[in-house]
Amino acid sequence: MDDSAQVFSEEQKNEIYKKFTDALVFALENNQITVVESELSSDFVLQNLDEVTSQESLLIFLKDLSVMWPAFKDLYLKEKGEETTVENQTKIAEIQNSLDALSGNQAN
């Protein structure tokens, strides 16, 4: 099953809220975003995150967020990198299973 097609759980959404909040605090502390921008971006997140239903829609959401407020680009890139890592690990496991199956068949 494709991980990007899985339904996003409340726990996953809460983790994104936490990551957003951490990124927001960092951006404010480092003058990468104004207070008004922080309010607007927070409203954007609150109004739109519930629409996220998959990893793919999360990446679209985070990309939109980072385009409107570049201070959140790292959040988008980190999440995109995590998705790539999971995909790679899945592919590696599939290849390993295939190799194991071939090795088992040759040993018989």
PDB file of N, CA and C in Angstrom:
ATOM      1  N   MET A   1       0.840  -1.191   0.000  1.00  0.00           N
ATOM      2  CA  MET A   1       0.000   0.000   0.000  1.00  0.00           C
ATOM      3  C   MET A   1       0.875   1.240   0.000  1.00  0.00           C
ATOM      4  N   ASP A   2       0.492   2.250  -0.767  1.00  0.00           N
ATOM      5  CA  ASP A   2       1.238   3.489  -0.859  1.00  0.00           C
ATOM      6  C   ASP A   2       0.998   4.319   0.396  1.00  0.00           C
ATOM      7  N   ASP A   3       2.081   4.681   1.113  1.00  0.00           N
ATOM      8  CA  ASP A   3       1.947   5.440   2.355  1.00  0.00           C
ATOM      9  C   ASP A   3       1.282   6.784   2.134  1.00  0.00           C
ATOM     10  N   SER A   4       1.465   7.393   0.952  1.00  0.00           N
ATOM     11  CA  SER A   4       0.889   8.710   0.706  1.00  0.00           C
ATOM     12  C   SER A   4      -0.633   8.649   0.601  1.00  0.00           C
ATOM     13  N   ALA A   5      -1.193   7.459   0.401  1.00  0.00           N
ATOM     14  CA  ALA A   5      -2.637   7.309   0.270  1.00  0.00           C
ATOM     15  C   ALA A   5      -3.313   7.052   1.611  1.00  0.00           C
ATOM     16  N   GLN A   6      -2.560   6.802   2.655  1.00  0.00           N
ATOM     17  CA  GLN A   6      -3.149   6.510   3.955  1.00  0.00           C
ATOM     18  C   GLN A   6      -3.803   7.756   4.545  1.00  0.00           C
ATOM     19  N   VAL A   7      -4.871   7.543   5.288  1.00  0.00           N
ATOM     20  CA  VAL A   7      -5.588   8.634   5.926  1.00  0.00           C
ATOM     21  C   VAL A   7      -4.744   9.192   7.072  1.00  0.00           C
ATOM     22  N   PHE A   8      -4.749  10.491   7.187  1.00  0.00           N
ATOM     23  CA  PHE A   8      -3.990  11.171   8.228  1.00  0.00           C
ATOM     24  C   PHE A   8      -4.757  11.096   9.541  1.00  0.00           C
ATOM     25  N   SER A   9      -4.101  10.654  10.592  1.00  0.00           N
ATOM     26  CA  SER A   9      -4.755  10.528  11.900  1.00  0.00           C
ATOM     27  C   SER A   9      -4.696  11.852  12.654  1.00  0.00           C
ATOM     28  N   GLU A  10      -5.493  11.936  13.706  1.00  0.00           N
ATOM     29  CA  GLU A  10      -5.465  13.127  14.567  1.00  0.00           C
ATOM     30  C   GLU A  10      -4.085  13.289  15.208  1.00  0.00           C
ATOM     31  N   GLU A  11      -3.464  12.161  15.558  1.00  0.00           N
ATOM     32  CA  GLU A  11      -2.130  12.206  16.150  1.00  0.00           C
ATOM     33  C   GLU A  11      -1.124  12.820  15.176  1.00  0.00           C
ATOM     34  N   GLN A  12      -1.218  12.448  13.913  1.00  0.00           N
ATOM     35  CA  GLN A  12      -0.323  13.015  12.909  1.00  0.00           C
ATOM     36  C   GLN A  12      -0.579  14.513  12.727  1.00  0.00           C
ATOM     37  N   LYS A  13      -1.842  14.897  12.731  1.00  0.00           N
ATOM     38  CA  LYS A  13      -2.175  16.326  12.607  1.00  0.00           C
ATOM     39  C   LYS A  13      -1.658  17.092  13.818  1.00  0.00           C
ATOM     40  N   ASN A  14      -1.798  16.522  14.999  1.00  0.00           N
ATOM     41  CA  ASN A  14      -1.285  17.182  16.201  1.00  0.00           C
ATOM     42  C   ASN A  14       0.224  17.360  16.133  1.00  0.00           C
ATOM     43  N   GLU A  15       0.916  16.374  15.558  1.00  0.00           N
ATOM     44  CA  GLU A  15       2.368  16.484  15.392  1.00  0.00           C
ATOM     45  C   GLU A  15       2.714  17.628  14.431  1.00  0.00           C
ATOM     46  N   ILE A  16       1.924  17.804  13.386  1.00  0.00           N
ATOM     47  CA  ILE A  16       2.149  18.912  12.454  1.00  0.00           C
ATOM     48  C   ILE A  16       1.874  20.236  13.153  1.00  0.00           C
ATOM     49  N   TYR A  17       0.819  20.318  13.961  1.00  0.00           N
ATOM     50  CA  TYR A  17       0.563  21.534  14.735  1.00  0.00           C
ATOM     51  C   TYR A  17       1.768  21.871  15.612  1.00  0.00           C
ATOM     52  N   LYS A  18       2.326  20.858  16.260  1.00  0.00           N
ATOM     53  CA  LYS A  18       3.482  21.077  17.133  1.00  0.00           C
ATOM     54  C   LYS A  18       4.683  21.566  16.322  1.00  0.00           C
ATOM     55  N   LYS A  19       4.941  20.917  15.193  1.00  0.00           N
ATOM     56  CA  LYS A  19       6.066  21.339  14.348  1.00  0.00           C
ATOM     57  C   LYS A  19       5.860  22.765  13.844  1.00  0.00           C
ATOM     58  N   PHE A  20       4.619  23.093  13.472  1.00  0.00           N
ATOM     59  CA  PHE A  20       4.319  24.454  13.028  1.00  0.00           C
ATOM     60  C   PHE A  20       4.566  25.446  14.156  1.00  0.00           C
ATOM     61  N   THR A  21       4.084  25.126  15.345  1.00  0.00           N
ATOM     62  CA  THR A  21       4.258  26.021  16.492  1.00  0.00           C
ATOM     63  C   THR A  21       5.733  26.239  16.794  1.00  0.00           C
ATOM     64  N   ASP A  22       6.521  25.176  16.770  1.00  0.00           N
ATOM     65  CA  ASP A  22       7.967  25.300  16.993  1.00  0.00           C
ATOM     66  C   ASP A  22       8.605  26.188  15.927  1.00  0.00           C
ATOM     67  N   ALA A  23       8.216  25.984  14.669  1.00  0.00           N
ATOM     68  CA  ALA A  23       8.766  26.792  13.575  1.00  0.00           C
ATOM     69  C   ALA A  23       8.327  28.253  13.707  1.00  0.00           C
ATOM     70  N   LEU A  24       7.098  28.462  14.154  1.00  0.00           N
ATOM     71  CA  LEU A  24       6.576  29.819  14.338  1.00  0.00           C
ATOM     72  C   LEU A  24       7.348  30.553  15.426  1.00  0.00           C
ATOM     73  N   VAL A  25       7.560  29.908  16.549  1.00  0.00           N
ATOM     74  CA  VAL A  25       8.315  30.519  17.655  1.00  0.00           C
ATOM     75  C   VAL A  25       9.737  30.842  17.192  1.00  0.00           C
ATOM     76  N   PHE A  26      10.368  29.901  16.506  1.00  0.00           N
ATOM     77  CA  PHE A  26      11.727  30.121  15.997  1.00  0.00           C
ATOM     78  C   PHE A  26      11.750  31.325  15.051  1.00  0.00           C
ATOM     79  N   ALA A  27      10.784  31.385  14.139  1.00  0.00           N
ATOM     80  CA  ALA A  27      10.729  32.486  13.166  1.00  0.00           C
ATOM     81  C   ALA A  27      10.513  33.825  13.862  1.00  0.00           C
ATOM     82  N   LEU A  28       9.655  33.852  14.868  1.00  0.00           N
ATOM     83  CA  LEU A  28       9.428  35.097  15.612  1.00  0.00           C
ATOM     84  C   LEU A  28      10.680  35.523  16.376  1.00  0.00           C
ATOM     85  N   GLU A  29      11.312  34.573  17.050  1.00  0.00           N
ATOM     86  CA  GLU A  29      12.511  34.885  17.835  1.00  0.00           C
ATOM     87  C   GLU A  29      13.665  35.367  16.968  1.00  0.00           C
ATOM     88  N   ASN A  30      13.695  34.925  15.718  1.00  0.00           N
ATOM     89  CA  ASN A  30      14.788  35.276  14.815  1.00  0.00           C
ATOM     90  C   ASN A  30      14.380  36.323  13.780  1.00  0.00           C
ATOM     91  N   ASN A  31      13.274  36.997  14.052  1.00  0.00           N
ATOM     92  CA  ASN A  31      12.790  38.086  13.203  1.00  0.00           C
ATOM     93  C   ASN A  31      12.626  37.673  11.738  1.00  0.00           C
ATOM     94  N   GLN A  32      12.210  36.440  11.529  1.00  0.00           N
ATOM     95  CA  GLN A  32      11.959  35.964  10.176  1.00  0.00           C
ATOM     96  C   GLN A  32      10.503  36.186   9.765  1.00  0.00           C
ATOM     97  N   ILE A  33       9.693  36.559  10.754  1.00  0.00           N
ATOM     98  CA  ILE A  33       8.269  36.756  10.526  1.00  0.00           C
ATOM     99  C   ILE A  33       7.777  37.800  11.525  1.00  0.00           C
ATOM    100  N   THR A  34       6.826  38.619  11.102  1.00  0.00           N
ATOM    101  CA  THR A  34       6.273  39.630  12.007  1.00  0.00           C
ATOM    102  C   THR A  34       5.133  39.025  12.824  1.00  0.00           C
ATOM    103  N   VAL A  35       4.706  39.743  13.828  1.00  0.00           N
ATOM    104  CA  VAL A  35       3.584  39.276  14.650  1.00  0.00           C
ATOM    105  C   VAL A  35       2.326  39.152  13.789  1.00  0.00           C
ATOM    106  N   VAL A  36       2.102  40.123  12.914  1.00  0.00           N
ATOM    107  CA  VAL A  36       0.932  40.073  12.032  1.00  0.00           C
ATOM    108  C   VAL A  36       1.016  38.849  11.122  1.00  0.00           C
ATOM    109  N   GLU A  37       2.187  38.579  10.557  1.00  0.00           N
ATOM    110  CA  GLU A  37       2.365  37.400   9.704  1.00  0.00           C
ATOM    111  C   GLU A  37       2.158  36.110  10.503  1.00  0.00           C
ATOM    112  N   SER A  38       2.583  36.119  11.753  1.00  0.00           N
ATOM    113  CA  SER A  38       2.391  34.928  12.584  1.00  0.00           C
ATOM    114  C   SER A  38       0.911  34.670  12.817  1.00  0.00           C
ATOM    115  N   GLU A  39       0.147  35.737  13.007  1.00  0.00           N
ATOM    116  CA  GLU A  39      -1.298  35.587  13.194  1.00  0.00           C
ATOM    117  C   GLU A  39      -1.964  35.079  11.911  1.00  0.00           C
ATOM    118  N   LEU A  40      -1.555  35.646  10.778  1.00  0.00           N
ATOM    119  CA  LEU A  40      -2.125  35.221   9.498  1.00  0.00           C
ATOM    120  C   LEU A  40      -1.769  33.771   9.179  1.00  0.00           C
ATOM    121  N   SER A  41      -0.517  33.415   9.414  1.00  0.00           N
ATOM    122  CA  SER A  41      -0.098  32.038   9.128  1.00  0.00           C
ATOM    123  C   SER A  41      -0.782  31.051  10.078  1.00  0.00           C
ATOM    124  N   SER A  42      -0.955  31.461  11.321  1.00  0.00           N
ATOM    125  CA  SER A  42      -1.661  30.592  12.284  1.00  0.00           C
ATOM    126  C   SER A  42      -3.111  30.384  11.858  1.00  0.00           C
ATOM    127  N   ASP A  43      -3.753  31.446  11.411  1.00  0.00           N
ATOM    128  CA  ASP A  43      -5.125  31.324  10.917  1.00  0.00           C
ATOM    129  C   ASP A  43      -5.179  30.384   9.712  1.00  0.00           C
ATOM    130  N   PHE A  44      -4.207  30.518   8.813  1.00  0.00           N
ATOM    131  CA  PHE A  44      -4.136  29.653   7.641  1.00  0.00           C
ATOM    132  C   PHE A  44      -4.035  28.186   8.057  1.00  0.00           C
ATOM    133  N   VAL A  45      -3.166  27.909   9.011  1.00  0.00           N
ATOM    134  CA  VAL A  45      -2.981  26.535   9.475  1.00  0.00           C
ATOM    135  C   VAL A  45      -4.268  26.017  10.126  1.00  0.00           C
ATOM    136  N   LEU A  46      -4.851  26.813  11.001  1.00  0.00           N
ATOM    137  CA  LEU A  46      -6.072  26.377  11.693  1.00  0.00           C
ATOM    138  C   LEU A  46      -7.230  26.142  10.731  1.00  0.00           C
ATOM    139  N   GLN A  47      -7.301  26.947   9.684  1.00  0.00           N
ATOM    140  CA  GLN A  47      -8.408  26.820   8.733  1.00  0.00           C
ATOM    141  C   GLN A  47      -8.204  25.697   7.718  1.00  0.00           C
ATOM    142  N   ASN A  48      -6.957  25.303   7.492  1.00  0.00           N
ATOM    143  CA  ASN A  48      -6.697  24.379   6.393  1.00  0.00           C
ATOM    144  C   ASN A  48      -6.138  23.009   6.780  1.00  0.00           C
ATOM    145  N   LEU A  49      -5.553  22.874   7.937  1.00  0.00           N
ATOM    146  CA  LEU A  49      -4.925  21.595   8.274  1.00  0.00           C
ATOM    147  C   LEU A  49      -5.938  20.456   8.370  1.00  0.00           C
ATOM    148  N   ASP A  50      -7.154  20.749   8.760  1.00  0.00           N
ATOM    149  CA  ASP A  50      -8.169  19.689   8.848  1.00  0.00           C
ATOM    150  C   ASP A  50      -8.491  19.088   7.480  1.00  0.00           C
ATOM    151  N   GLU A  51      -8.174  19.821   6.416  1.00  0.00           N
ATOM    152  CA  GLU A  51      -8.412  19.320   5.060  1.00  0.00           C
ATOM    153  C   GLU A  51      -7.347  18.314   4.621  1.00  0.00           C
ATOM    154  N   VAL A  52      -6.247  18.237   5.364  1.00  0.00           N
ATOM    155  CA  VAL A  52      -5.169  17.314   5.029  1.00  0.00           C
ATOM    156  C   VAL A  52      -5.620  15.897   5.344  1.00  0.00           C
ATOM    157  N   THR A  53      -5.550  15.034   4.328  1.00  0.00           N
ATOM    158  CA  THR A  53      -6.026  13.668   4.499  1.00  0.00           C
ATOM    159  C   THR A  53      -4.964  12.625   4.174  1.00  0.00           C
ATOM    160  N   SER A  54      -3.816  13.068   3.643  1.00  0.00           N
ATOM    161  CA  SER A  54      -2.769  12.125   3.253  1.00  0.00           C
ATOM    162  C   SER A  54      -1.416  12.834   3.295  1.00  0.00           C
ATOM    163  N   GLN A  55      -0.361  12.058   3.164  1.00  0.00           N
ATOM    164  CA  GLN A  55       0.983  12.637   3.129  1.00  0.00           C
ATOM    165  C   GLN A  55       1.121  13.571   1.931  1.00  0.00           C
ATOM    166  N   GLU A  56       0.534  13.187   0.832  1.00  0.00           N
ATOM    167  CA  GLU A  56       0.594  14.020  -0.383  1.00  0.00           C
ATOM    168  C   GLU A  56      -0.093  15.366  -0.159  1.00  0.00           C
ATOM    169  N   SER A  57      -1.286  15.346   0.435  1.00  0.00           N
ATOM    170  CA  SER A  57      -1.985  16.613   0.675  1.00  0.00           C
ATOM    171  C   SER A  57      -1.277  17.432   1.754  1.00  0.00           C
ATOM    172  N   LEU A  58      -0.587  16.765   2.679  1.00  0.00           N
ATOM    173  CA  LEU A  58       0.205  17.492   3.672  1.00  0.00           C
ATOM    174  C   LEU A  58       1.332  18.266   2.991  1.00  0.00           C
ATOM    175  N   LEU A  59       2.014  17.622   2.071  1.00  0.00           N
ATOM    176  CA  LEU A  59       3.111  18.300   1.377  1.00  0.00           C
ATOM    177  C   LEU A  59       2.606  19.482   0.559  1.00  0.00           C
ATOM    178  N   ILE A  60       1.451  19.344  -0.061  1.00  0.00           N
ATOM    179  CA  ILE A  60       0.860  20.466  -0.801  1.00  0.00           C
ATOM    180  C   ILE A  60       0.526  21.604   0.161  1.00  0.00           C
ATOM    181  N   PHE A  61      -0.077  21.259   1.288  1.00  0.00           N
ATOM    182  CA  PHE A  61      -0.416  22.252   2.309  1.00  0.00           C
ATOM    183  C   PHE A  61       0.836  22.982   2.807  1.00  0.00           C
ATOM    184  N   LEU A  62       1.889  22.231   3.132  1.00  0.00           N
ATOM    185  CA  LEU A  62       3.115  22.842   3.646  1.00  0.00           C
ATOM    186  C   LEU A  62       3.831  23.661   2.579  1.00  0.00           C
ATOM    187  N   LYS A  63       3.748  23.218   1.344  1.00  0.00           N
ATOM    188  CA  LYS A  63       4.345  24.008   0.259  1.00  0.00           C
ATOM    189  C   LYS A  63       3.614  25.336   0.122  1.00  0.00           C
ATOM    190  N   ASP A  64       2.282  25.300   0.154  1.00  0.00           N
ATOM    191  CA  ASP A  64       1.491  26.534   0.094  1.00  0.00           C
ATOM    192  C   ASP A  64       1.846  27.462   1.255  1.00  0.00           C
ATOM    193  N   LEU A  65       1.967  26.884   2.438  1.00  0.00           N
ATOM    194  CA  LEU A  65       2.339  27.660   3.621  1.00  0.00           C
ATOM    195  C   LEU A  65       3.699  28.321   3.427  1.00  0.00           C
ATOM    196  N   SER A  66       4.661  27.570   2.913  1.00  0.00           N
ATOM    197  CA  SER A  66       6.016  28.114   2.759  1.00  0.00           C
ATOM    198  C   SER A  66       6.114  29.124   1.622  1.00  0.00           C
ATOM    199  N   VAL A  67       5.240  29.017   0.640  1.00  0.00           N
ATOM    200  CA  VAL A  67       5.226  30.021  -0.432  1.00  0.00           C
ATOM    201  C   VAL A  67       4.689  31.348   0.109  1.00  0.00           C
ATOM    202  N   MET A  68       3.650  31.273   0.920  1.00  0.00           N
ATOM    203  CA  MET A  68       3.064  32.499   1.490  1.00  0.00           C
ATOM    204  C   MET A  68       3.944  33.093   2.579  1.00  0.00           C
ATOM    205  N   TRP A  69       4.587  32.228   3.365  1.00  0.00           N
ATOM    206  CA  TRP A  69       5.450  32.662   4.460  1.00  0.00           C
ATOM    207  C   TRP A  69       6.745  31.848   4.404  1.00  0.00           C
ATOM    208  N   PRO A  70       7.753  32.367   3.714  1.00  0.00           N
ATOM    209  CA  PRO A  70       9.014  31.630   3.516  1.00  0.00           C
ATOM    210  C   PRO A  70       9.691  31.154   4.805  1.00  0.00           C
ATOM    211  N   ALA A  71       9.329  31.723   5.924  1.00  0.00           N
ATOM    212  CA  ALA A  71       9.917  31.290   7.196  1.00  0.00           C
ATOM    213  C   ALA A  71       9.597  29.820   7.483  1.00  0.00           C
ATOM    214  N   PHE A  72       8.594  29.263   6.817  1.00  0.00           N
ATOM    215  CA  PHE A  72       8.191  27.877   7.057  1.00  0.00           C
ATOM    216  C   PHE A  72       8.714  26.913   5.995  1.00  0.00           C
ATOM    217  N   LYS A  73       9.632  27.381   5.167  1.00  0.00           N
ATOM    218  CA  LYS A  73      10.176  26.524   4.115  1.00  0.00           C
ATOM    219  C   LYS A  73      10.889  25.305   4.694  1.00  0.00           C
ATOM    220  N   ASP A  74      11.627  25.494   5.791  1.00  0.00           N
ATOM    221  CA  ASP A  74      12.326  24.367   6.415  1.00  0.00           C
ATOM    222  C   ASP A  74      11.349  23.287   6.879  1.00  0.00           C
ATOM    223  N   LEU A  75      10.204  23.692   7.381  1.00  0.00           N
ATOM    224  CA  LEU A  75       9.188  22.732   7.814  1.00  0.00           C
ATOM    225  C   LEU A  75       8.738  21.888   6.628  1.00  0.00           C
ATOM    226  N   TYR A  76       8.499  22.529   5.504  1.00  0.00           N
ATOM    227  CA  TYR A  76       8.114  21.814   4.289  1.00  0.00           C
ATOM    228  C   TYR A  76       9.224  20.861   3.843  1.00  0.00           C
ATOM    229  N   LEU A  77      10.453  21.358   3.800  1.00  0.00           N
ATOM    230  CA  LEU A  77      11.572  20.540   3.328  1.00  0.00           C
ATOM    231  C   LEU A  77      11.836  19.349   4.248  1.00  0.00           C
ATOM    232  N   LYS A  78      11.731  19.555   5.556  1.00  0.00           N
ATOM    233  CA  LYS A  78      11.930  18.448   6.496  1.00  0.00           C
ATOM    234  C   LYS A  78      10.869  17.370   6.307  1.00  0.00           C
ATOM    235  N   GLU A  79       9.632  17.789   6.160  1.00  0.00           N
ATOM    236  CA  GLU A  79       8.542  16.819   5.988  1.00  0.00           C
ATOM    237  C   GLU A  79       8.690  16.091   4.658  1.00  0.00           C
ATOM    238  N   LYS A  80       9.088  16.802   3.632  1.00  0.00           N
ATOM    239  CA  LYS A  80       9.311  16.182   2.329  1.00  0.00           C
ATOM    240  C   LYS A  80      10.466  15.175   2.420  1.00  0.00           C
ATOM    241  N   GLY A  81      11.509  15.533   3.154  1.00  0.00           N
ATOM    242  CA  GLY A  81      12.644  14.632   3.341  1.00  0.00           C
ATOM    243  C   GLY A  81      12.259  13.399   4.115  1.00  0.00           C
ATOM    244  N   GLU A  82      11.416  13.544   5.129  1.00  0.00           N
ATOM    245  CA  GLU A  82      10.948  12.389   5.905  1.00  0.00           C
ATOM    246  C   GLU A  82      10.150  11.442   5.021  1.00  0.00           C
ATOM    247  N   GLU A  83       9.344  12.000   4.128  1.00  0.00           N
ATOM    248  CA  GLU A  83       8.562  11.161   3.221  1.00  0.00           C
ATOM    249  C   GLU A  83       9.499  10.371   2.311  1.00  0.00           C
ATOM    250  N   THR A  84      10.514  11.052   1.794  1.00  0.00           N
ATOM    251  CA  THR A  84      11.477  10.384   0.920  1.00  0.00           C
ATOM    252  C   THR A  84      12.199   9.275   1.666  1.00  0.00           C
ATOM    253  N   THR A  85      12.573   9.516   2.914  1.00  0.00           N
ATOM    254  CA  THR A  85      13.256   8.510   3.719  1.00  0.00           C
ATOM    255  C   THR A  85      12.373   7.281   3.918  1.00  0.00           C
ATOM    256  N   VAL A  86      11.115   7.481   4.235  1.00  0.00           N
ATOM    257  CA  VAL A  86      10.185   6.371   4.433  1.00  0.00           C
ATOM    258  C   VAL A  86      10.017   5.586   3.132  1.00  0.00           C
ATOM    259  N   GLU A  87       9.877   6.308   2.015  1.00  0.00           N
ATOM    260  CA  GLU A  87       9.742   5.625   0.722  1.00  0.00           C
ATOM    261  C   GLU A  87      10.979   4.787   0.426  1.00  0.00           C
ATOM    262  N   ASN A  88      12.156   5.355   0.675  1.00  0.00           N
ATOM    263  CA  ASN A  88      13.402   4.623   0.429  1.00  0.00           C
ATOM    264  C   ASN A  88      13.508   3.395   1.321  1.00  0.00           C
ATOM    265  N   GLN A  89      13.152   3.522   2.591  1.00  0.00           N
ATOM    266  CA  GLN A  89      13.210   2.387   3.503  1.00  0.00           C
ATOM    267  C   GLN A  89      12.257   1.279   3.058  1.00  0.00           C
ATOM    268  N   THR A  90      11.091   1.659   2.579  1.00  0.00           N
ATOM    269  CA  THR A  90      10.127   0.677   2.088  1.00  0.00           C
ATOM    270  C   THR A  90      10.678  -0.052   0.870  1.00  0.00           C
ATOM    271  N   LYS A  91      11.268   0.706  -0.050  1.00  0.00           N
ATOM    272  CA  LYS A  91      11.849   0.089  -1.246  1.00  0.00           C
ATOM    273  C   LYS A  91      13.000  -0.844  -0.875  1.00  0.00           C
ATOM    274  N   ILE A  92      13.839  -0.428   0.045  1.00  0.00           N
ATOM    275  CA  ILE A  92      14.956  -1.267   0.493  1.00  0.00           C
ATOM    276  C   ILE A  92      14.436  -2.563   1.106  1.00  0.00           C
ATOM    277  N   ALA A  93      13.400  -2.468   1.930  1.00  0.00           N
ATOM    278  CA  ALA A  93      12.821  -3.658   2.557  1.00  0.00           C
ATOM    279  C   ALA A  93      12.244  -4.600   1.501  1.00  0.00           C
ATOM    280  N   GLU A  94      11.587  -4.037   0.490  1.00  0.00           N
ATOM    281  CA  GLU A  94      11.031  -4.872  -0.578  1.00  0.00           C
ATOM    282  C   GLU A  94      12.142  -5.586  -1.345  1.00  0.00           C
ATOM    283  N   ILE A  95      13.216  -4.871  -1.650  1.00  0.00           N
ATOM    284  CA  ILE A  95      14.348  -5.470  -2.358  1.00  0.00           C
ATOM    285  C   ILE A  95      14.982  -6.559  -1.503  1.00  0.00           C
ATOM    286  N   GLN A  96      15.148  -6.284  -0.209  1.00  0.00           N
ATOM    287  CA  GLN A  96      15.740  -7.271   0.692  1.00  0.00           C
ATOM    288  C   GLN A  96      14.882  -8.525   0.754  1.00  0.00           C
ATOM    289  N   ASN A  97      13.561  -8.338   0.825  1.00  0.00           N
ATOM    290  CA  ASN A  97      12.651  -9.488   0.846  1.00  0.00           C
ATOM    291  C   ASN A  97      12.766 -10.298  -0.441  1.00  0.00           C
ATOM    292  N   SER A  98      12.885  -9.604  -1.567  1.00  0.00           N
ATOM    293  CA  SER A  98      13.047 -10.301  -2.849  1.00  0.00           C
ATOM    294  C   SER A  98      14.356 -11.077  -2.886  1.00  0.00           C
ATOM    295  N   LEU A  99      15.421 -10.454  -2.397  1.00  0.00           N
ATOM    296  CA  LEU A  99      16.719 -11.129  -2.351  1.00  0.00           C
ATOM    297  C   LEU A  99      16.676 -12.344  -1.432  1.00  0.00           C
ATOM    298  N   ASP A 100      16.017 -12.181  -0.290  1.00  0.00           N
ATOM    299  CA  ASP A 100      15.890 -13.299   0.660  1.00  0.00           C
ATOM    300  C   ASP A 100      15.110 -14.447   0.023  1.00  0.00           C
ATOM    301  N   ALA A 101      14.053 -14.088  -0.712  1.00  0.00           N
ATOM    302  CA  ALA A 101      13.238 -15.114  -1.368  1.00  0.00           C
ATOM    303  C   ALA A 101      14.054 -15.840  -2.433  1.00  0.00           C
ATOM    304  N   LEU A 102      14.844 -15.082  -3.182  1.00  0.00           N
ATOM    305  CA  LEU A 102      15.691 -15.700  -4.202  1.00  0.00           C
ATOM    306  C   LEU A 102      16.752 -16.593  -3.565  1.00  0.00           C
ATOM    307  N   SER A 103      17.352 -16.124  -2.497  1.00  0.00           N
ATOM    308  CA  SER A 103      18.371 -16.917  -1.800  1.00  0.00           C
ATOM    309  C   SER A 103      17.777 -18.182  -1.230  1.00  0.00           C
ATOM    310  N   GLY A 104      16.580 -18.087  -0.709  1.00  0.00           N
ATOM    311  CA  GLY A 104      15.895 -19.254  -0.157  1.00  0.00           C
ATOM    312  C   GLY A 104      15.553 -20.252  -1.241  1.00  0.00           C
ATOM    313  N   ASN A 105      15.150 -19.766  -2.396  1.00  0.00           N
ATOM    314  CA  ASN A 105      14.806 -20.650  -3.515  1.00  0.00           C
ATOM    315  C   ASN A 105      16.045 -21.346  -4.066  1.00  0.00           C
ATOM    316  N   GLN A 106      17.176 -20.660  -4.084  1.00  0.00           N
ATOM    317  CA  GLN A 106      18.409 -21.241  -4.613  1.00  0.00           C
ATOM    318  C   GLN A 106      18.990 -22.267  -3.650  1.00  0.00           C
ATOM    319  N   ALA A 107      18.758 -22.069  -2.362  1.00  0.00           N
ATOM    320  CA  ALA A 107      19.319 -22.990  -1.356  1.00  0.00           C
ATOM    321  C   ALA A 107      18.605 -24.348  -1.402  1.00  0.00           C
ATOM    322  N   ASN A 108      17.332 -24.352  -1.885  1.00  0.00           N
ATOM    323  CA  ASN A 108      16.564 -25.602  -1.920  1.00  0.00           C
ATOM    324  C   ASN A 108      16.956 -26.461  -3.059  1.00  0.00           C
TER     325      ASN A 108
END
